[in-house]
Amino acid sequence: MTAARAAGDLGTVVRLVRRARGLTQSQLGALLCCSASAISRLETGEQPLTNTATLQRLVRHLAIPPAVFGLSPDGASGHAAPAVTPSLLKTRPVNVGSDDHNEGEAGDDLVRRRDLLANLAVAAGAAITAPNLLAPRPGWAEAAGDPGALLVGRIEDLMLGTVRPQVTSVTLPVLQHALAEVVADFQSCRYAQLAERLPRLIAAAETTCGEASGDTRSAALSLLADAYNVTTRMLIKLDDGHISWISGDRARAAANASGDALVFAEATRNLCILTRTAGRHDKAQTLAVDAARRLAMNTSALDPQYLSQYGLLLSTAGYSAAKAGDRAASVELLDEAAAAARRITHGNTHWMGFGEWGVTLYRVSSALALGDAGTAIEHARSVRPEQLPTIERQARYWVDVARAFAMWGKTRNCYQALRAAEHAAPEETWSLPVVRRLTTDLLSASRQASLPGIQDFARRVHTAR
């Protein structure tokens, strides 16, 4: 590092910091919203590091002192890592599995290395808009990292204990605020931001639970369970089975200890989904129905939160029945869920994203499970996607529409639906395994000429050509 700085080799400085933190070029590219090849060009000197904006972004995301890049403190003050504060969302991760003690570094060198690396942070992806759905947006080619892989990697490190954020016990309002921000990221499909916030939230909630007692501990356990519920839902989306079971089990344990029936019901629903993805469709249906009945017996029939959870459990059971090939049971369960939805005036109670439109989305998925693409499209046409309450639900809608058109053999319609999903939720679309499978099929189609931009789209979703 000293030699590189003396020679003015800024690319080598970036490479050394990246490697010291254990980041690949793809991972750093995801943080900076550029491609791995762009990072490679910067590090090798093929693209000189002369642009002030680029240097300031590196200062911000790698916490490299501005003077290393010849920047004045004032010039980079808006981009440097923030000062340490009590806020949970400003705590930075520390690698507890590092090999600092095995490298023979002197004490001062170790301190300098830790000062340099301790403030690594993930930047939130900027919102993108485009008037033309099928026209590539400016910067898409550079921005299409793999935020899903980044998120899974961070959660896996947390679950296995290889990397754990350094946090302290916090107050319940801080935890509540942090959970609200994580939920907002989930509903807006901001995967890179979730990769930064979610592990810190879980670590802080666990620390708080360990130090609290009485009602404060119960409330903290409820918040911890909800954080694990969000985590499990994300991992299910990304088909990460081994870690999602760990997360789901921890959510149920924390929810059970908290005594919060609503959070426990959501943890049970996630367990049902995991059971279904493991191929145990009948068992998943039974678990969901039993949980819905217990919830109905022990809670107020007028509470919109419990009505939402009750309807979600029945919807999950209906989809599980469809996966088992039981059309009649699926229709009956989804009709009962729709009856509950008609009694709810607010469509996003307790961040559940449930309402009559939500049941319709489950009808689309259930029709696909039964191999009935025409019925799936018929249900989808009754939904106005722009009116769905969250970006996450809009993305699910378009991906299911794409699946239906693919099943129907309508290649162009499938591609248009995938592009609509990308327009609504770029980070989610680039990360979902189901999108990659659909794109692989599109690439093998005989009429690629009717799919403008398919090769670029395939590159953005990391599908081999």
Protein backbone atom coordinates (compact mmCIF):
# COMPACT_ATOMS: atom_id res chain seq x y z
CA MET A 1 0.00 0.00 0.00
CA THR A 2 2.82 2.38 0.89
CA ALA A 3 4.63 1.70 -2.40
CA ALA A 4 1.42 2.13 -4.41
CA ARG A 5 0.65 5.44 -2.73
CA ALA A 6 4.19 6.68 -3.31
CA ALA A 7 3.97 5.75 -7.00
CA GLY A 8 0.55 7.35 -7.38
CA ASP A 9 -0.88 3.94 -8.38
CA LEU A 10 -4.44 4.56 -7.21
CA GLY A 11 -5.79 1.45 -8.93
CA THR A 12 -3.54 -0.74 -6.80
CA VAL A 13 -4.70 1.10 -3.68
CA VAL A 14 -8.31 0.23 -4.56
CA ARG A 15 -7.40 -3.38 -5.29
CA LEU A 16 -5.55 -3.81 -1.97
CA VAL A 17 -8.43 -2.37 0.05
CA ARG A 18 -10.94 -4.52 -1.82
CA ARG A 19 -8.95 -7.70 -1.25
CA ALA A 20 -8.24 -6.90 2.39
CA ARG A 21 -11.99 -6.72 2.97
CA GLY A 22 -12.60 -9.95 1.09
CA LEU A 23 -14.65 -8.40 -1.72
CA THR A 24 -14.63 -9.67 -5.28
CA GLN A 25 -14.64 -7.26 -8.20
CA SER A 26 -18.29 -8.16 -8.79
CA GLN A 27 -19.19 -7.39 -5.19
CA LEU A 28 -17.42 -4.04 -5.23
CA GLY A 29 -19.08 -3.30 -8.55
CA ALA A 30 -22.47 -4.04 -6.97
CA LEU A 31 -21.71 -1.58 -4.18
CA LEU A 32 -20.66 1.12 -6.65
CA CYS A 33 -23.38 0.29 -9.22
CA CYS A 34 -20.94 -0.63 -11.99
CA SER A 35 -19.74 -3.82 -13.62
CA ALA A 36 -16.90 -6.08 -12.47
CA SER A 37 -15.07 -5.27 -15.70
CA ALA A 38 -15.24 -1.55 -14.87
CA ILE A 39 -13.63 -2.26 -11.48
CA SER A 40 -10.96 -4.33 -13.23
CA ARG A 41 -10.14 -1.45 -15.59
CA LEU A 42 -9.80 0.94 -12.65
CA GLU A 43 -7.53 -1.40 -10.70
CA THR A 44 -5.22 -2.21 -13.61
CA GLY A 45 -4.91 1.41 -14.68
CA GLU A 46 -6.55 0.78 -18.05
CA GLN A 47 -9.05 3.46 -16.99
CA PRO A 48 -7.12 6.12 -15.02
CA LEU A 49 -8.62 7.25 -11.75
CA THR A 50 -8.80 10.93 -12.59
CA ASN A 51 -12.52 11.62 -12.31
CA THR A 52 -13.24 13.46 -9.05
CA ALA A 53 -16.77 12.05 -8.73
CA THR A 54 -15.45 8.48 -9.04
CA LEU A 55 -12.76 9.15 -6.45
CA GLN A 56 -15.32 10.61 -4.05
CA ARG A 57 -17.52 7.53 -4.46
CA LEU A 58 -14.57 5.30 -3.60
CA VAL A 59 -13.82 7.47 -0.56
CA ARG A 60 -17.40 7.04 0.53
CA HIS A 61 -17.82 3.31 -0.08
CA LEU A 62 -14.34 2.08 0.94
CA ALA A 63 -13.69 4.72 3.64
CA ILE A 64 -10.32 5.52 2.09
CA PRO A 65 -8.96 8.79 3.52
CA PRO A 66 -9.52 11.57 0.93
CA ALA A 67 -5.85 12.57 1.06
CA VAL A 68 -4.86 9.20 -0.44
CA PHE A 69 -6.59 10.30 -3.64
CA GLY A 70 -5.35 13.87 -3.44
CA LEU A 71 -8.76 15.17 -2.35
CA SER A 72 -9.18 17.84 0.27
CA PRO A 73 -11.26 16.94 3.34
CA ASP A 74 -13.77 19.63 2.41
CA GLY A 75 -14.07 18.38 -1.15
CA ALA A 76 -14.97 14.90 -0.01
CA SER A 77 -16.86 15.72 3.15
CA GLY A 78 -20.23 14.90 1.61
CA HIS A 79 -19.07 11.42 0.63
CA ALA A 80 -16.78 10.24 3.38
CA ALA A 81 -17.98 7.66 5.89
CA PRO A 82 -20.19 9.23 8.58
CA ALA A 83 -19.03 9.74 12.11
CA VAL A 84 -19.97 7.09 14.66
CA THR A 85 -23.40 7.78 16.17
CA PRO A 86 -25.78 5.86 18.44
CA SER A 87 -28.04 5.21 15.44
CA LEU A 88 -28.36 1.52 14.65
CA LEU A 89 -28.35 2.10 10.91
CA LYS A 90 -24.98 3.87 11.02
CA THR A 91 -23.13 1.01 12.72
CA ARG A 92 -20.57 -0.64 10.45
CA PRO A 93 -19.78 -4.36 10.09
CA VAL A 94 -16.61 -5.91 11.45
CA ASN A 95 -15.21 -9.22 10.17
CA VAL A 96 -14.78 -11.43 13.24
CA GLY A 97 -13.24 -14.16 11.14
CA SER A 98 -10.31 -12.11 9.84
CA ASP A 99 -6.74 -13.35 9.97
CA ASP A 100 -5.24 -10.13 11.34
CA HIS A 101 -3.44 -11.96 14.14
CA ASN A 102 -1.81 -14.41 11.74
CA GLU A 103 -0.15 -11.87 9.50
CA GLY A 104 2.56 -10.70 11.89
CA GLU A 105 1.45 -7.07 11.67
CA ALA A 106 2.70 -4.63 14.25
CA GLY A 107 0.11 -3.07 16.55
CA ASP A 108 0.12 0.29 14.78
CA ASP A 109 -0.27 -1.34 11.37
CA LEU A 110 -3.18 -3.41 12.63
CA VAL A 111 -4.90 -0.31 13.96
CA ARG A 112 -4.40 1.52 10.66
CA ARG A 113 -5.77 -1.44 8.71
CA ARG A 114 -8.84 -1.63 10.91
CA ASP A 115 -9.37 2.12 10.67
CA LEU A 116 -9.26 1.78 6.90
CA LEU A 117 -11.65 -1.16 6.63
CA ALA A 118 -14.09 -0.78 9.50
CA ASN A 119 -16.37 1.67 7.69
CA LEU A 120 -17.10 -0.33 4.52
CA ALA A 121 -20.73 0.36 3.60
CA VAL A 122 -23.24 -0.58 0.93
CA ALA A 123 -24.77 2.28 -1.03
CA ALA A 124 -28.46 2.22 -1.85
CA GLY A 125 -29.23 1.89 -5.55
CA ALA A 126 -30.65 5.03 -7.10
CA ALA A 127 -34.21 4.97 -8.35
CA ILE A 128 -34.54 4.61 -12.13
CA THR A 129 -37.32 5.79 -14.39
CA ALA A 130 -37.89 5.25 -18.10
CA PRO A 131 -40.74 6.26 -20.39
CA ASN A 132 -40.18 3.34 -22.77
CA LEU A 133 -40.50 -0.08 -21.15
CA LEU A 134 -38.49 -1.93 -23.79
CA ALA A 135 -35.76 0.68 -24.21
CA PRO A 136 -32.63 0.07 -22.08
CA ARG A 137 -32.26 2.69 -19.40
CA PRO A 138 -29.08 4.80 -19.24
CA GLY A 139 -26.53 3.10 -17.03
CA TRP A 140 -28.32 -0.26 -16.82
CA ALA A 141 -25.41 -2.15 -18.33
CA GLU A 142 -23.10 -0.80 -15.64
CA ALA A 143 -25.58 -0.99 -12.75
CA ALA A 144 -26.74 -4.59 -13.18
CA GLY A 145 -24.67 -6.15 -10.43
CA ASP A 146 -25.97 -9.11 -8.43
CA PRO A 147 -27.59 -7.53 -5.36
CA GLY A 148 -29.31 -10.81 -4.51
CA ALA A 149 -25.98 -12.63 -4.20
CA LEU A 150 -24.65 -9.78 -2.07
CA LEU A 151 -27.67 -10.02 0.25
CA VAL A 152 -27.47 -13.81 0.56
CA GLY A 153 -23.75 -13.60 1.29
CA ARG A 154 -24.25 -11.05 4.07
CA ILE A 155 -27.07 -13.08 5.66
CA GLU A 156 -25.10 -16.31 5.38
CA ASP A 157 -22.12 -14.69 7.12
CA LEU A 158 -24.41 -13.51 9.91
CA MET A 159 -26.12 -16.89 10.36
CA LEU A 160 -22.85 -18.83 10.36
CA GLY A 161 -21.06 -16.27 12.54
CA THR A 162 -18.19 -15.68 10.11
CA VAL A 163 -18.92 -11.94 9.89
CA ARG A 164 -20.98 -10.19 12.52
CA PRO A 165 -21.79 -6.48 12.78
CA GLN A 166 -20.33 -4.82 15.85
CA VAL A 167 -23.37 -3.36 17.61
CA THR A 168 -24.55 -2.60 21.12
CA SER A 169 -27.88 -2.88 22.85
CA VAL A 170 -30.30 -0.18 21.69
CA THR A 171 -33.67 1.14 22.78
CA LEU A 172 -36.96 -0.24 21.49
CA PRO A 173 -37.75 2.92 19.47
CA VAL A 174 -34.42 2.56 17.66
CA LEU A 175 -35.20 -1.09 16.86
CA GLN A 176 -38.70 -0.18 15.71
CA HIS A 177 -37.37 2.54 13.42
CA ALA A 178 -34.72 0.22 12.01
CA LEU A 179 -37.31 -2.51 11.35
CA ALA A 180 -39.56 0.02 9.59
CA GLU A 181 -36.67 1.00 7.30
CA VAL A 182 -35.87 -2.64 6.53
CA VAL A 183 -39.53 -3.33 5.72
CA ALA A 184 -39.58 -0.30 3.42
CA ASP A 185 -36.48 -1.64 1.65
CA PHE A 186 -38.13 -5.07 1.29
CA GLN A 187 -41.33 -3.65 -0.13
CA SER A 188 -39.34 -1.45 -2.53
CA CYS A 189 -36.99 -4.32 -3.57
CA ARG A 190 -33.84 -2.45 -2.53
CA TYR A 191 -31.63 -5.52 -2.18
CA ALA A 192 -28.28 -3.75 -1.85
CA GLN A 193 -29.65 -1.56 0.93
CA LEU A 194 -31.12 -4.62 2.67
CA ALA A 195 -27.70 -6.26 2.54
CA GLU A 196 -26.40 -3.30 4.53
CA ARG A 197 -29.23 -2.83 7.02
CA LEU A 198 -30.71 -6.26 7.70
CA PRO A 199 -27.67 -7.94 9.34
CA ARG A 200 -27.15 -4.92 11.62
CA LEU A 201 -30.81 -4.94 12.64
CA ILE A 202 -30.71 -8.64 13.54
CA ALA A 203 -27.43 -8.31 15.44
CA ALA A 204 -28.69 -5.30 17.40
CA ALA A 205 -32.03 -6.97 18.18
CA GLU A 206 -30.27 -10.12 19.43
CA THR A 207 -27.93 -8.05 21.62
CA THR A 208 -30.87 -6.08 23.02
CA CYS A 209 -32.84 -9.26 23.75
CA GLY A 210 -29.87 -10.69 25.61
CA GLU A 211 -29.61 -7.66 27.90
CA ALA A 212 -33.29 -6.77 28.38
CA SER A 213 -35.85 -8.27 30.74
CA GLY A 214 -39.60 -8.34 31.31
CA ASP A 215 -41.87 -6.54 28.85
CA THR A 216 -38.91 -4.84 27.16
CA ARG A 217 -37.39 -8.23 26.33
CA SER A 218 -40.72 -9.53 25.00
CA ALA A 219 -41.09 -6.51 22.73
CA ALA A 220 -37.49 -6.85 21.53
CA LEU A 221 -38.06 -10.55 20.80
CA SER A 222 -41.11 -9.65 18.71
CA LEU A 223 -39.03 -7.18 16.68
CA LEU A 224 -36.26 -9.76 16.28
CA ALA A 225 -38.79 -12.32 15.04
CA ASP A 226 -40.13 -9.86 12.48
CA ALA A 227 -36.58 -9.11 11.31
CA TYR A 228 -36.05 -12.84 10.80
CA ASN A 229 -39.43 -13.05 9.04
CA VAL A 230 -38.27 -10.45 6.51
CA THR A 231 -35.01 -12.35 6.13
CA THR A 232 -36.79 -15.65 5.53
CA ARG A 233 -39.07 -14.13 2.90
CA MET A 234 -36.06 -12.70 1.07
CA LEU A 235 -34.19 -16.01 1.14
CA ILE A 236 -37.27 -17.89 -0.11
CA LYS A 237 -37.44 -15.52 -3.08
CA LEU A 238 -33.79 -16.20 -3.84
CA ASP A 239 -34.12 -20.01 -3.54
CA ASP A 240 -31.53 -20.18 -0.78
CA GLY A 241 -32.87 -23.21 1.04
CA HIS A 242 -30.23 -24.05 3.63
CA ILE A 243 -30.00 -20.58 5.19
CA SER A 244 -33.74 -19.87 4.88
CA TRP A 245 -34.55 -22.85 7.13
CA ILE A 246 -32.18 -21.49 9.79
CA SER A 247 -33.76 -18.05 9.53
CA GLY A 248 -37.28 -19.48 9.63
CA ASP A 249 -36.53 -21.54 12.72
CA ARG A 250 -35.02 -18.54 14.53
CA ALA A 251 -38.09 -16.45 13.66
CA ARG A 252 -40.45 -19.05 15.16
CA ALA A 253 -38.35 -19.40 18.30
CA ALA A 254 -38.17 -15.64 18.89
CA ALA A 255 -41.87 -15.16 18.11
CA ASN A 256 -42.86 -17.97 20.46
CA ALA A 257 -40.74 -16.52 23.28
CA SER A 258 -42.24 -13.06 22.70
CA GLY A 259 -45.84 -14.23 23.02
CA ASP A 260 -46.82 -12.18 19.94
CA ALA A 261 -49.46 -14.28 18.17
CA LEU A 262 -49.38 -12.21 14.99
CA VAL A 263 -45.63 -12.45 14.50
CA PHE A 264 -45.71 -16.15 15.37
CA ALA A 265 -48.38 -16.72 12.72
CA GLU A 266 -46.21 -15.03 10.08
CA ALA A 267 -43.22 -17.15 11.12
CA THR A 268 -45.43 -20.23 10.80
CA ARG A 269 -46.55 -19.13 7.33
CA ASN A 270 -42.93 -18.85 6.23
CA LEU A 271 -42.36 -22.35 7.58
CA CYS A 272 -45.31 -23.53 5.47
CA ILE A 273 -43.75 -21.97 2.37
CA LEU A 274 -40.42 -23.64 3.11
CA THR A 275 -42.20 -26.96 3.58
CA ARG A 276 -43.96 -26.50 0.24
CA THR A 277 -40.73 -25.64 -1.58
CA ALA A 278 -39.29 -28.86 -0.16
CA GLY A 279 -42.06 -30.74 -2.00
CA ARG A 280 -44.22 -31.47 1.07
CA HIS A 281 -47.33 -29.85 -0.38
CA ASP A 282 -49.95 -31.66 1.73
CA LYS A 283 -48.05 -30.99 4.95
CA ALA A 284 -47.63 -27.33 4.04
CA GLN A 285 -51.38 -27.01 3.42
CA THR A 286 -52.21 -28.62 6.75
CA LEU A 287 -49.77 -26.39 8.66
CA ALA A 288 -51.21 -23.23 7.10
CA VAL A 289 -54.86 -24.18 7.66
CA ASP A 290 -54.24 -25.18 11.28
CA ALA A 291 -52.38 -21.90 11.95
CA ALA A 292 -55.25 -19.90 10.39
CA ARG A 293 -57.82 -21.67 12.54
CA ARG A 294 -55.82 -21.07 15.73
CA LEU A 295 -55.44 -17.42 14.85
CA ALA A 296 -59.18 -17.08 14.25
CA MET A 297 -60.05 -18.66 17.59
CA ASN A 298 -57.67 -16.58 19.68
CA THR A 299 -57.98 -13.09 18.17
CA SER A 300 -60.56 -10.46 17.31
CA ALA A 301 -62.35 -11.09 14.02
CA LEU A 302 -62.41 -7.33 13.39
CA ASP A 303 -58.71 -6.57 13.78
CA PRO A 304 -57.33 -5.81 10.28
CA GLN A 305 -53.86 -7.08 11.20
CA TYR A 306 -55.18 -10.48 12.22
CA LEU A 307 -57.58 -10.60 9.30
CA SER A 308 -54.64 -9.96 6.99
CA GLN A 309 -52.57 -12.71 8.57
CA TYR A 310 -55.53 -15.10 8.55
CA GLY A 311 -56.10 -14.41 4.85
CA LEU A 312 -52.41 -14.83 4.04
CA LEU A 313 -52.33 -18.21 5.78
CA LEU A 314 -55.39 -19.37 3.81
CA SER A 315 -53.86 -18.05 0.58
CA THR A 316 -50.66 -19.96 1.32
CA ALA A 317 -52.74 -23.07 1.99
CA GLY A 318 -54.63 -22.55 -1.28
CA TYR A 319 -51.43 -22.30 -3.28
CA SER A 320 -50.04 -25.38 -1.50
CA ALA A 321 -53.20 -27.29 -2.45
CA ALA A 322 -52.69 -26.25 -6.08
CA LYS A 323 -49.10 -27.47 -5.95
CA ALA A 324 -50.47 -30.79 -4.69
CA GLY A 325 -52.85 -30.88 -7.70
CA ASP A 326 -56.03 -30.38 -5.62
CA ARG A 327 -57.93 -27.78 -7.63
CA ALA A 328 -61.14 -27.94 -5.56
CA ALA A 329 -59.35 -27.40 -2.23
CA SER A 330 -57.31 -24.57 -3.74
CA VAL A 331 -60.43 -22.72 -4.97
CA GLU A 332 -62.22 -23.22 -1.63
CA LEU A 333 -59.31 -21.92 0.44
CA LEU A 334 -58.70 -18.92 -1.81
CA ASP A 335 -62.42 -18.06 -1.76
CA GLU A 336 -62.29 -18.05 2.05
CA ALA A 337 -59.20 -15.84 1.92
CA ALA A 338 -61.03 -13.45 -0.43
CA ALA A 339 -63.93 -13.24 2.04
CA ALA A 340 -61.46 -12.12 4.72
CA ALA A 341 -59.88 -9.62 2.31
CA ARG A 342 -63.25 -7.97 1.64
CA ARG A 343 -63.43 -7.04 5.31
CA ILE A 344 -60.11 -5.12 5.17
CA THR A 345 -60.07 -1.50 4.06
CA HIS A 346 -56.28 -1.02 4.16
CA GLY A 347 -54.28 -3.20 1.79
CA ASN A 348 -50.88 -3.20 3.49
CA THR A 349 -51.59 -3.74 7.18
CA HIS A 350 -48.51 -4.76 9.19
CA TRP A 351 -46.48 -4.71 5.92
CA MET A 352 -48.22 -7.92 4.81
CA GLY A 353 -49.34 -6.67 1.41
CA PHE A 354 -52.73 -8.38 1.64
CA GLY A 355 -56.13 -7.52 0.17
CA GLU A 356 -58.50 -8.73 -2.55
CA TRP A 357 -55.82 -8.04 -5.14
CA GLY A 358 -53.45 -10.13 -3.01
CA VAL A 359 -55.76 -13.11 -3.22
CA THR A 360 -55.92 -12.61 -6.99
CA LEU A 361 -52.13 -12.83 -7.15
CA TYR A 362 -52.38 -16.17 -5.35
CA ARG A 363 -55.03 -17.27 -7.85
CA VAL A 364 -52.57 -16.50 -10.65
CA SER A 365 -49.84 -18.53 -8.95
CA SER A 366 -52.23 -21.39 -8.19
CA ALA A 367 -53.42 -21.56 -11.80
CA LEU A 368 -49.78 -21.79 -12.89
CA ALA A 369 -49.19 -24.59 -10.38
CA LEU A 370 -52.13 -26.44 -11.92
CA GLY A 371 -50.71 -25.92 -15.41
CA ASP A 372 -53.51 -23.61 -16.51
CA ALA A 373 -51.82 -20.64 -18.18
CA GLY A 374 -55.03 -19.29 -19.71
CA THR A 375 -56.76 -19.06 -16.32
CA ALA A 376 -53.64 -17.44 -14.83
CA ILE A 377 -53.71 -14.71 -17.50
CA GLU A 378 -57.46 -14.24 -17.01
CA HIS A 379 -56.94 -13.62 -13.30
CA ALA A 380 -53.96 -11.34 -14.00
CA ARG A 381 -56.03 -9.17 -16.33
CA SER A 382 -58.34 -8.29 -13.45
CA VAL A 383 -55.44 -6.61 -11.62
CA ARG A 384 -54.07 -3.15 -12.38
CA PRO A 385 -50.40 -3.60 -11.42
CA GLU A 386 -49.75 0.12 -11.01
CA GLN A 387 -52.34 0.12 -8.20
CA LEU A 388 -50.66 -2.64 -6.20
CA PRO A 389 -49.50 -1.09 -2.91
CA THR A 390 -45.83 -2.10 -3.05
CA ILE A 391 -43.12 -2.45 -5.67
CA GLU A 392 -42.45 -5.98 -4.39
CA ARG A 393 -46.03 -7.02 -5.21
CA GLN A 394 -45.81 -5.36 -8.63
CA ALA A 395 -42.66 -7.32 -9.41
CA ARG A 396 -44.29 -10.57 -8.32
CA TYR A 397 -47.27 -9.82 -10.56
CA TRP A 398 -45.13 -9.28 -13.66
CA VAL A 399 -42.93 -12.32 -13.05
CA ASP A 400 -46.00 -14.54 -12.69
CA VAL A 401 -47.44 -13.04 -15.88
CA ALA A 402 -44.14 -13.86 -17.61
CA ARG A 403 -44.35 -17.43 -16.32
CA ALA A 404 -47.90 -17.75 -17.63
CA PHE A 405 -46.99 -16.48 -21.11
CA ALA A 406 -43.97 -18.78 -21.18
CA MET A 407 -46.19 -21.74 -20.33
CA TRP A 408 -48.57 -20.61 -23.07
CA GLY A 409 -45.74 -20.41 -25.60
CA LYS A 410 -46.08 -16.65 -26.13
CA THR A 411 -42.42 -15.70 -26.20
CA ARG A 412 -42.72 -11.99 -26.90
CA ASN A 413 -45.38 -11.49 -24.23
CA CYS A 414 -43.17 -13.31 -21.74
CA TYR A 415 -40.25 -11.02 -22.55
CA GLN A 416 -42.38 -7.89 -22.28
CA ALA A 417 -43.61 -9.00 -18.85
CA LEU A 418 -40.02 -9.58 -17.70
CA ARG A 419 -39.06 -6.12 -18.88
CA ALA A 420 -42.05 -4.70 -16.98
CA ALA A 421 -40.80 -6.50 -13.85
CA GLU A 422 -37.35 -4.97 -14.40
CA HIS A 423 -38.92 -1.54 -14.85
CA ALA A 424 -40.76 -1.90 -11.54
CA ALA A 425 -38.00 -3.55 -9.50
CA PRO A 426 -34.58 -3.75 -11.17
CA GLU A 427 -32.66 -5.25 -8.24
CA GLU A 428 -35.26 -7.96 -7.67
CA THR A 429 -35.51 -8.87 -11.36
CA TRP A 430 -31.73 -9.12 -11.72
CA SER A 431 -31.57 -11.44 -8.69
CA LEU A 432 -34.45 -13.92 -9.00
CA PRO A 433 -33.58 -17.47 -10.13
CA VAL A 434 -36.98 -17.82 -11.82
CA VAL A 435 -36.19 -14.83 -14.04
CA ARG A 436 -32.90 -16.42 -15.04
CA ARG A 437 -34.65 -19.67 -15.94
CA LEU A 438 -37.19 -17.83 -18.07
CA THR A 439 -34.45 -15.82 -19.76
CA THR A 440 -32.49 -18.97 -20.58
CA ASP A 441 -35.58 -20.30 -22.34
CA LEU A 442 -35.96 -17.03 -24.24
CA LEU A 443 -32.34 -17.20 -25.40
CA SER A 444 -32.95 -20.66 -26.80
CA ALA A 445 -36.10 -19.54 -28.64
CA SER A 446 -35.86 -19.57 -32.43
CA ARG A 447 -37.19 -16.03 -32.87
CA GLN A 448 -34.83 -13.83 -30.88
CA ALA A 449 -35.16 -11.15 -33.54
CA SER A 450 -38.62 -10.37 -32.15
CA LEU A 451 -37.10 -9.75 -28.69
CA PRO A 452 -35.18 -6.45 -28.94
CA GLY A 453 -32.45 -6.16 -26.35
CA ILE A 454 -32.73 -9.76 -25.12
CA GLN A 455 -28.95 -10.27 -25.04
CA ASP A 456 -28.43 -7.16 -22.91
CA PHE A 457 -31.30 -8.18 -20.66
CA ALA A 458 -29.74 -11.64 -20.26
CA ARG A 459 -26.46 -10.04 -19.23
CA ARG A 460 -28.20 -7.90 -16.62
CA VAL A 461 -29.88 -10.93 -15.04
CA HIS A 462 -26.60 -12.92 -15.18
CA THR A 463 -27.82 -15.55 -17.61
CA ALA A 464 -25.26 -17.40 -19.72
CA ARG A 465 -25.61 -16.75 -23.43
